Amino acid sequence: MMRKVNILLLLLGCVILLSCKDKRYFTVAKIKDAAKLATTETVIEKIVIGNKKKMVLKFFTLDQARIVCYSEARIKAGIDLKKLSKEDVKISGKQIDIMLPAVEVINFSYPFSRFRIDSTLLDNGLFARISISDMEEFYRMAELEIRAQLPYMGITESTESKTRQMMESLLRSLGYAEIYIHFRKGPLIAKVNLTDPK
């Protein structure tokens, strides 16, 4: 009789263990599916002002040209759940604690087709003229400025807030009552060097 009780307890323990693993697997799968939707899109309009001078003897400005252009960058930020490990999800009954990867830019678009010259503010001089290569340089410098300013535009905070709301809603629907969501820290966008090598 005692042996039968031990076998039943062992089987019950295996069932509970398997159901916990299934619950964990199911929860992690749902988190990965939902987080693909937890992204933010930001449109940044940038005015680009370029100057070109024609100098004489490096001290005297003979002529100057100016140009004003309008450009647009589109940034999509989210989290890469390929970086989520099993240690990042802790489940205890109806309590769940998740450490999500850092928010990062998953798509940065700065199309040259959205780079428009304001012809009313184009001022080419007699000796100084804005060339195509000058415009390309202004374009590259504007992109570097946008990339450098992204961490200060609230993109990380708004993406974390949206992700947290979606995750809490999802996890409550899965039966969790106590939910803790954290985010790792990391660079929002990788640094690039768009300047020509000297």
C-alpha atoms as a PDB file:
ATOM      1  CA  MET A   1       0.000   0.000   0.000  1.00  0.00           C
ATOM      2  CA  MET A   2       2.819   2.401   0.931  1.00  0.00           C
ATOM      3  CA  ARG A   3       4.565   1.578  -2.332  1.00  0.00           C
ATOM      4  CA  LYS A   4       1.429   2.500  -4.303  1.00  0.00           C
ATOM      5  CA  VAL A   5       1.180   5.819  -2.439  1.00  0.00           C
ATOM      6  CA  ASN A   6       4.844   6.602  -3.229  1.00  0.00           C
ATOM      7  CA  ILE A   7       4.318   5.767  -6.907  1.00  0.00           C
ATOM      8  CA  LEU A   8       1.203   7.966  -7.019  1.00  0.00           C
ATOM      9  CA  LEU A   9       3.071  10.849  -5.361  1.00  0.00           C
ATOM     10  CA  LEU A  10       5.946  10.430  -7.805  1.00  0.00           C
ATOM     11  CA  LEU A  11       3.542  10.442 -10.767  1.00  0.00           C
ATOM     12  CA  LEU A  12       1.736  13.491  -9.358  1.00  0.00           C
ATOM     13  CA  GLY A  13       5.072  15.266  -8.934  1.00  0.00           C
ATOM     14  CA  CYS A  14       6.007  14.473 -12.544  1.00  0.00           C
ATOM     15  CA  VAL A  15       2.651  15.784 -13.771  1.00  0.00           C
ATOM     16  CA  ILE A  16       3.082  19.015 -11.774  1.00  0.00           C
ATOM     17  CA  LEU A  17       6.664  19.407 -13.014  1.00  0.00           C
ATOM     18  CA  LEU A  18       5.628  18.825 -16.621  1.00  0.00           C
ATOM     19  CA  SER A  19       2.683  21.200 -16.308  1.00  0.00           C
ATOM     20  CA  CYS A  20       5.006  23.881 -14.861  1.00  0.00           C
ATOM     21  CA  LYS A  21       7.404  23.398 -17.771  1.00  0.00           C
ATOM     22  CA  ASP A  22       4.491  23.538 -20.219  1.00  0.00           C
ATOM     23  CA  LYS A  23       3.196  26.708 -18.523  1.00  0.00           C
ATOM     24  CA  ARG A  24       6.651  28.282 -18.691  1.00  0.00           C
ATOM     25  CA  TYR A  25       7.080  27.311 -22.355  1.00  0.00           C
ATOM     26  CA  PHE A  26       3.585  28.591 -23.190  1.00  0.00           C
ATOM     27  CA  THR A  27       4.173  31.875 -21.319  1.00  0.00           C
ATOM     28  CA  VAL A  28       7.550  32.514 -22.978  1.00  0.00           C
ATOM     29  CA  ALA A  29       6.071  31.738 -26.416  1.00  0.00           C
ATOM     30  CA  LYS A  30       3.239  34.222 -25.792  1.00  0.00           C
ATOM     31  CA  ILE A  31       5.716  36.869 -24.604  1.00  0.00           C
ATOM     32  CA  LYS A  32       7.790  36.455 -27.768  1.00  0.00           C
ATOM     33  CA  ASP A  33       4.713  36.707 -29.975  1.00  0.00           C
ATOM     34  CA  ALA A  34       3.362  39.807 -28.217  1.00  0.00           C
ATOM     35  CA  ALA A  35       6.646  41.693 -28.035  1.00  0.00           C
ATOM     36  CA  LYS A  36       6.917  41.710 -31.835  1.00  0.00           C
ATOM     37  CA  LEU A  37       3.996  44.139 -31.705  1.00  0.00           C
ATOM     38  CA  ALA A  38       5.482  46.251 -28.915  1.00  0.00           C
ATOM     39  CA  THR A  39       7.330  48.697 -31.128  1.00  0.00           C
ATOM     40  CA  THR A  40       7.215  52.454 -31.567  1.00  0.00           C
ATOM     41  CA  GLU A  41       7.625  54.439 -34.742  1.00  0.00           C
ATOM     42  CA  THR A  42       8.993  57.965 -34.717  1.00  0.00           C
ATOM     43  CA  VAL A  43       9.207  60.431 -37.601  1.00  0.00           C
ATOM     44  CA  ILE A  44      11.870  63.117 -37.289  1.00  0.00           C
ATOM     45  CA  GLU A  45      11.864  66.103 -39.615  1.00  0.00           C
ATOM     46  CA  LYS A  46      15.195  67.860 -39.891  1.00  0.00           C
ATOM     47  CA  ILE A  47      16.107  71.134 -41.546  1.00  0.00           C
ATOM     48  CA  VAL A  48      19.585  71.003 -43.038  1.00  0.00           C
ATOM     49  CA  ILE A  49      21.452  74.271 -43.537  1.00  0.00           C
ATOM     50  CA  GLY A  50      24.648  74.161 -45.564  1.00  0.00           C
ATOM     51  CA  ASN A  51      27.279  76.810 -46.233  1.00  0.00           C
ATOM     52  CA  LYS A  52      30.184  76.833 -48.621  1.00  0.00           C
ATOM     53  CA  LYS A  53      32.826  79.569 -48.738  1.00  0.00           C
ATOM     54  CA  LYS A  54      35.354  80.502 -51.380  1.00  0.00           C
ATOM     55  CA  MET A  55      38.401  81.732 -49.502  1.00  0.00           C
ATOM     56  CA  VAL A  56      41.393  83.746 -50.654  1.00  0.00           C
ATOM     57  CA  LEU A  57      44.673  83.169 -48.795  1.00  0.00           C
ATOM     58  CA  LYS A  58      42.699  81.265 -46.106  1.00  0.00           C
ATOM     59  CA  PHE A  59      41.745  84.521 -44.385  1.00  0.00           C
ATOM     60  CA  PHE A  60      39.514  86.472 -46.734  1.00  0.00           C
ATOM     61  CA  THR A  61      36.061  85.239 -47.835  1.00  0.00           C
ATOM     62  CA  LEU A  62      35.680  85.957 -51.534  1.00  0.00           C
ATOM     63  CA  ASP A  63      32.208  84.438 -51.927  1.00  0.00           C
ATOM     64  CA  GLN A  64      29.700  82.306 -50.043  1.00  0.00           C
ATOM     65  CA  ALA A  65      26.888  79.914 -51.026  1.00  0.00           C
ATOM     66  CA  ARG A  66      24.011  78.763 -48.810  1.00  0.00           C
ATOM     67  CA  ILE A  67      21.420  76.036 -49.069  1.00  0.00           C
ATOM     68  CA  VAL A  68      18.434  74.984 -46.951  1.00  0.00           C
ATOM     69  CA  CYS A  69      17.004  71.462 -47.274  1.00  0.00           C
ATOM     70  CA  TYR A  70      14.264  69.500 -45.555  1.00  0.00           C
ATOM     71  CA  SER A  71      14.738  65.846 -44.674  1.00  0.00           C
ATOM     72  CA  GLU A  72      12.865  63.120 -42.831  1.00  0.00           C
ATOM     73  CA  ALA A  73      14.009  60.117 -40.805  1.00  0.00           C
ATOM     74  CA  ARG A  74      11.774  57.221 -39.735  1.00  0.00           C
ATOM     75  CA  ILE A  75      12.814  55.216 -36.704  1.00  0.00           C
ATOM     76  CA  LYS A  76      11.274  51.970 -35.510  1.00  0.00           C
ATOM     77  CA  ALA A  77      12.319  50.871 -32.011  1.00  0.00           C
ATOM     78  CA  GLY A  78      11.573  47.653 -30.160  1.00  0.00           C
ATOM     79  CA  ILE A  79      13.196  44.746 -28.349  1.00  0.00           C
ATOM     80  CA  ASP A  80      15.039  41.789 -29.854  1.00  0.00           C
ATOM     81  CA  LEU A  81      13.580  38.735 -28.144  1.00  0.00           C
ATOM     82  CA  LYS A  82      16.243  36.465 -29.600  1.00  0.00           C
ATOM     83  CA  LYS A  83      18.248  37.846 -26.677  1.00  0.00           C
ATOM     84  CA  LEU A  84      15.682  36.605 -24.110  1.00  0.00           C
ATOM     85  CA  SER A  85      17.046  33.651 -22.136  1.00  0.00           C
ATOM     86  CA  LYS A  86      15.246  31.210 -19.860  1.00  0.00           C
ATOM     87  CA  GLU A  87      16.922  32.841 -16.833  1.00  0.00           C
ATOM     88  CA  ASP A  88      15.139  36.093 -17.747  1.00  0.00           C
ATOM     89  CA  VAL A  89      11.677  34.642 -16.972  1.00  0.00           C
ATOM     90  CA  LYS A  90      10.962  33.597 -13.379  1.00  0.00           C
ATOM     91  CA  ILE A  91       7.574  32.079 -12.540  1.00  0.00           C
ATOM     92  CA  SER A  92       6.314  31.286  -9.056  1.00  0.00           C
ATOM     93  CA  GLY A  93       2.621  30.417  -8.927  1.00  0.00           C
ATOM     94  CA  LYS A  94       0.731  33.522 -10.040  1.00  0.00           C
ATOM     95  CA  GLN A  95       3.838  35.709  -9.852  1.00  0.00           C
ATOM     96  CA  ILE A  96       6.045  36.371 -12.864  1.00  0.00           C
ATOM     97  CA  ASP A  97       9.248  38.391 -13.100  1.00  0.00           C
ATOM     98  CA  ILE A  98      10.645  39.203 -16.543  1.00  0.00           C
ATOM     99  CA  MET A  99      13.898  40.885 -17.555  1.00  0.00           C
ATOM    100  CA  LEU A 100      13.483  42.009 -21.163  1.00  0.00           C
ATOM    101  CA  PRO A 101      16.337  42.939 -23.505  1.00  0.00           C
ATOM    102  CA  ALA A 102      17.213  46.598 -23.990  1.00  0.00           C
ATOM    103  CA  VAL A 103      15.165  48.734 -26.354  1.00  0.00           C
ATOM    104  CA  GLU A 104      16.999  49.275 -29.625  1.00  0.00           C
ATOM    105  CA  VAL A 105      16.417  50.758 -33.051  1.00  0.00           C
ATOM    106  CA  ILE A 106      15.350  47.905 -35.301  1.00  0.00           C
ATOM    107  CA  ASN A 107      14.926  50.029 -38.406  1.00  0.00           C
ATOM    108  CA  PHE A 108      16.458  53.420 -39.242  1.00  0.00           C
ATOM    109  CA  SER A 109      15.350  54.940 -42.531  1.00  0.00           C
ATOM    110  CA  TYR A 110      16.704  58.244 -43.815  1.00  0.00           C
ATOM    111  CA  PRO A 111      15.796  58.157 -47.511  1.00  0.00           C
ATOM    112  CA  PHE A 112      17.522  60.527 -49.892  1.00  0.00           C
ATOM    113  CA  SER A 113      14.185  60.782 -51.750  1.00  0.00           C
ATOM    114  CA  ARG A 114      12.843  62.771 -48.743  1.00  0.00           C
ATOM    115  CA  PHE A 115      15.743  65.235 -48.973  1.00  0.00           C
ATOM    116  CA  ARG A 116      14.191  68.365 -50.532  1.00  0.00           C
ATOM    117  CA  ILE A 117      15.968  71.591 -51.435  1.00  0.00           C
ATOM    118  CA  ASP A 118      14.202  74.850 -50.690  1.00  0.00           C
ATOM    119  CA  SER A 119      14.847  76.646 -53.979  1.00  0.00           C
ATOM    120  CA  THR A 120      13.701  79.980 -52.516  1.00  0.00           C
ATOM    121  CA  LEU A 121      16.535  79.822 -49.971  1.00  0.00           C
ATOM    122  CA  LEU A 122      19.224  78.533 -52.348  1.00  0.00           C
ATOM    123  CA  ASP A 123      21.909  81.202 -52.641  1.00  0.00           C
ATOM    124  CA  ASN A 124      24.744  80.301 -55.000  1.00  0.00           C
ATOM    125  CA  GLY A 125      27.412  82.930 -55.372  1.00  0.00           C
ATOM    126  CA  LEU A 126      29.520  83.798 -58.377  1.00  0.00           C
ATOM    127  CA  PHE A 127      32.595  81.948 -57.124  1.00  0.00           C
ATOM    128  CA  ALA A 128      31.053  79.613 -54.522  1.00  0.00           C
ATOM    129  CA  ARG A 129      28.442  77.094 -55.639  1.00  0.00           C
ATOM    130  CA  ILE A 130      26.793  74.150 -53.852  1.00  0.00           C
ATOM    131  CA  SER A 131      27.627  70.960 -55.756  1.00  0.00           C
ATOM    132  CA  ILE A 132      26.041  67.486 -55.621  1.00  0.00           C
ATOM    133  CA  SER A 133      28.969  66.233 -53.526  1.00  0.00           C
ATOM    134  CA  ASP A 134      28.379  69.130 -51.089  1.00  0.00           C
ATOM    135  CA  MET A 135      24.710  68.108 -50.765  1.00  0.00           C
ATOM    136  CA  GLU A 136      25.744  64.495 -50.136  1.00  0.00           C
ATOM    137  CA  GLU A 137      28.060  65.704 -47.377  1.00  0.00           C
ATOM    138  CA  PHE A 138      25.288  67.807 -45.784  1.00  0.00           C
ATOM    139  CA  TYR A 139      23.018  64.739 -45.984  1.00  0.00           C
ATOM    140  CA  ARG A 140      25.601  62.492 -44.268  1.00  0.00           C
ATOM    141  CA  MET A 141      26.240  65.049 -41.528  1.00  0.00           C
ATOM    142  CA  ALA A 142      22.491  65.465 -40.914  1.00  0.00           C
ATOM    143  CA  GLU A 143      22.089  61.692 -40.520  1.00  0.00           C
ATOM    144  CA  LEU A 144      24.940  61.569 -37.996  1.00  0.00           C
ATOM    145  CA  GLU A 145      23.296  64.400 -36.018  1.00  0.00           C
ATOM    146  CA  ILE A 146      19.934  62.580 -35.951  1.00  0.00           C
ATOM    147  CA  ARG A 147      21.581  59.326 -34.825  1.00  0.00           C
ATOM    148  CA  ALA A 148      23.489  61.163 -32.075  1.00  0.00           C
ATOM    149  CA  GLN A 149      20.285  62.793 -30.767  1.00  0.00           C
ATOM    150  CA  LEU A 150      18.091  59.641 -30.702  1.00  0.00           C
ATOM    151  CA  PRO A 151      18.927  58.640 -27.089  1.00  0.00           C
ATOM    152  CA  TYR A 152      17.589  62.026 -25.903  1.00  0.00           C
ATOM    153  CA  MET A 153      14.252  61.941 -27.745  1.00  0.00           C
ATOM    154  CA  GLY A 154      12.298  59.729 -25.324  1.00  0.00           C
ATOM    155  CA  ILE A 155      12.167  56.783 -27.740  1.00  0.00           C
ATOM    156  CA  THR A 156      13.479  54.300 -25.142  1.00  0.00           C
ATOM    157  CA  GLU A 157      11.007  55.445 -22.485  1.00  0.00           C
ATOM    158  CA  SER A 158       7.961  55.393 -24.772  1.00  0.00           C
ATOM    159  CA  THR A 159       8.879  51.943 -26.159  1.00  0.00           C
ATOM    160  CA  GLU A 160       9.373  50.560 -22.634  1.00  0.00           C
ATOM    161  CA  SER A 161       6.032  52.037 -21.539  1.00  0.00           C
ATOM    162  CA  LYS A 162       4.166  50.549 -24.531  1.00  0.00           C
ATOM    163  CA  THR A 163       5.862  47.175 -24.059  1.00  0.00           C
ATOM    164  CA  ARG A 164       5.059  47.141 -20.327  1.00  0.00           C
ATOM    165  CA  GLN A 165       1.359  47.898 -20.958  1.00  0.00           C
ATOM    166  CA  MET A 166       1.063  45.176 -23.589  1.00  0.00           C
ATOM    167  CA  MET A 167       2.928  42.609 -21.486  1.00  0.00           C
ATOM    168  CA  GLU A 168       0.906  43.311 -18.342  1.00  0.00           C
ATOM    169  CA  SER A 169      -2.341  42.971 -20.269  1.00  0.00           C
ATOM    170  CA  LEU A 170      -1.194  39.698 -21.843  1.00  0.00           C
ATOM    171  CA  LEU A 171       0.144  38.213 -18.603  1.00  0.00           C
ATOM    172  CA  ARG A 172      -3.019  39.092 -16.667  1.00  0.00           C
ATOM    173  CA  SER A 173      -5.041  37.286 -19.337  1.00  0.00           C
ATOM    174  CA  LEU A 174      -2.783  34.251 -18.754  1.00  0.00           C
ATOM    175  CA  GLY A 175      -3.681  34.269 -15.046  1.00  0.00           C
ATOM    176  CA  TYR A 176      -0.728  36.086 -13.484  1.00  0.00           C
ATOM    177  CA  ALA A 177      -1.688  38.421 -10.641  1.00  0.00           C
ATOM    178  CA  GLU A 178       1.756  39.715  -9.629  1.00  0.00           C
ATOM    179  CA  ILE A 179       3.763  40.978 -12.608  1.00  0.00           C
ATOM    180  CA  TYR A 180       7.245  42.510 -12.600  1.00  0.00           C
ATOM    181  CA  ILE A 181       8.746  43.717 -15.879  1.00  0.00           C
ATOM    182  CA  HIS A 182      12.269  45.132 -16.171  1.00  0.00           C
ATOM    183  CA  PHE A 183      14.422  46.181 -19.119  1.00  0.00           C
ATOM    184  CA  ARG A 184      18.145  45.758 -19.597  1.00  0.00           C
ATOM    185  CA  LYS A 185      20.136  48.878 -20.419  1.00  0.00           C
ATOM    186  CA  GLY A 186      22.065  49.193 -23.645  1.00  0.00           C
ATOM    187  CA  PRO A 187      22.770  51.508 -26.580  1.00  0.00           C
ATOM    188  CA  LEU A 188      19.637  52.547 -28.462  1.00  0.00           C
ATOM    189  CA  ILE A 189      21.420  52.593 -31.815  1.00  0.00           C
ATOM    190  CA  ALA A 190      24.802  51.331 -32.944  1.00  0.00           C
ATOM    191  CA  LYS A 191      27.362  54.003 -33.743  1.00  0.00           C
ATOM    192  CA  VAL A 192      28.288  54.368 -37.396  1.00  0.00           C
ATOM    193  CA  ASN A 193      30.891  56.403 -39.192  1.00  0.00           C
ATOM    194  CA  LEU A 194      29.352  57.959 -42.301  1.00  0.00           C
ATOM    195  CA  THR A 195      32.215  60.344 -42.946  1.00  0.00           C
ATOM    196  CA  ASP A 196      34.673  59.682 -45.721  1.00  0.00           C
ATOM    197  CA  PRO A 197      38.004  58.247 -44.539  1.00  0.00           C
ATOM    198  CA  LYS A 198      40.803  60.774 -44.848  1.00  0.00           C
END
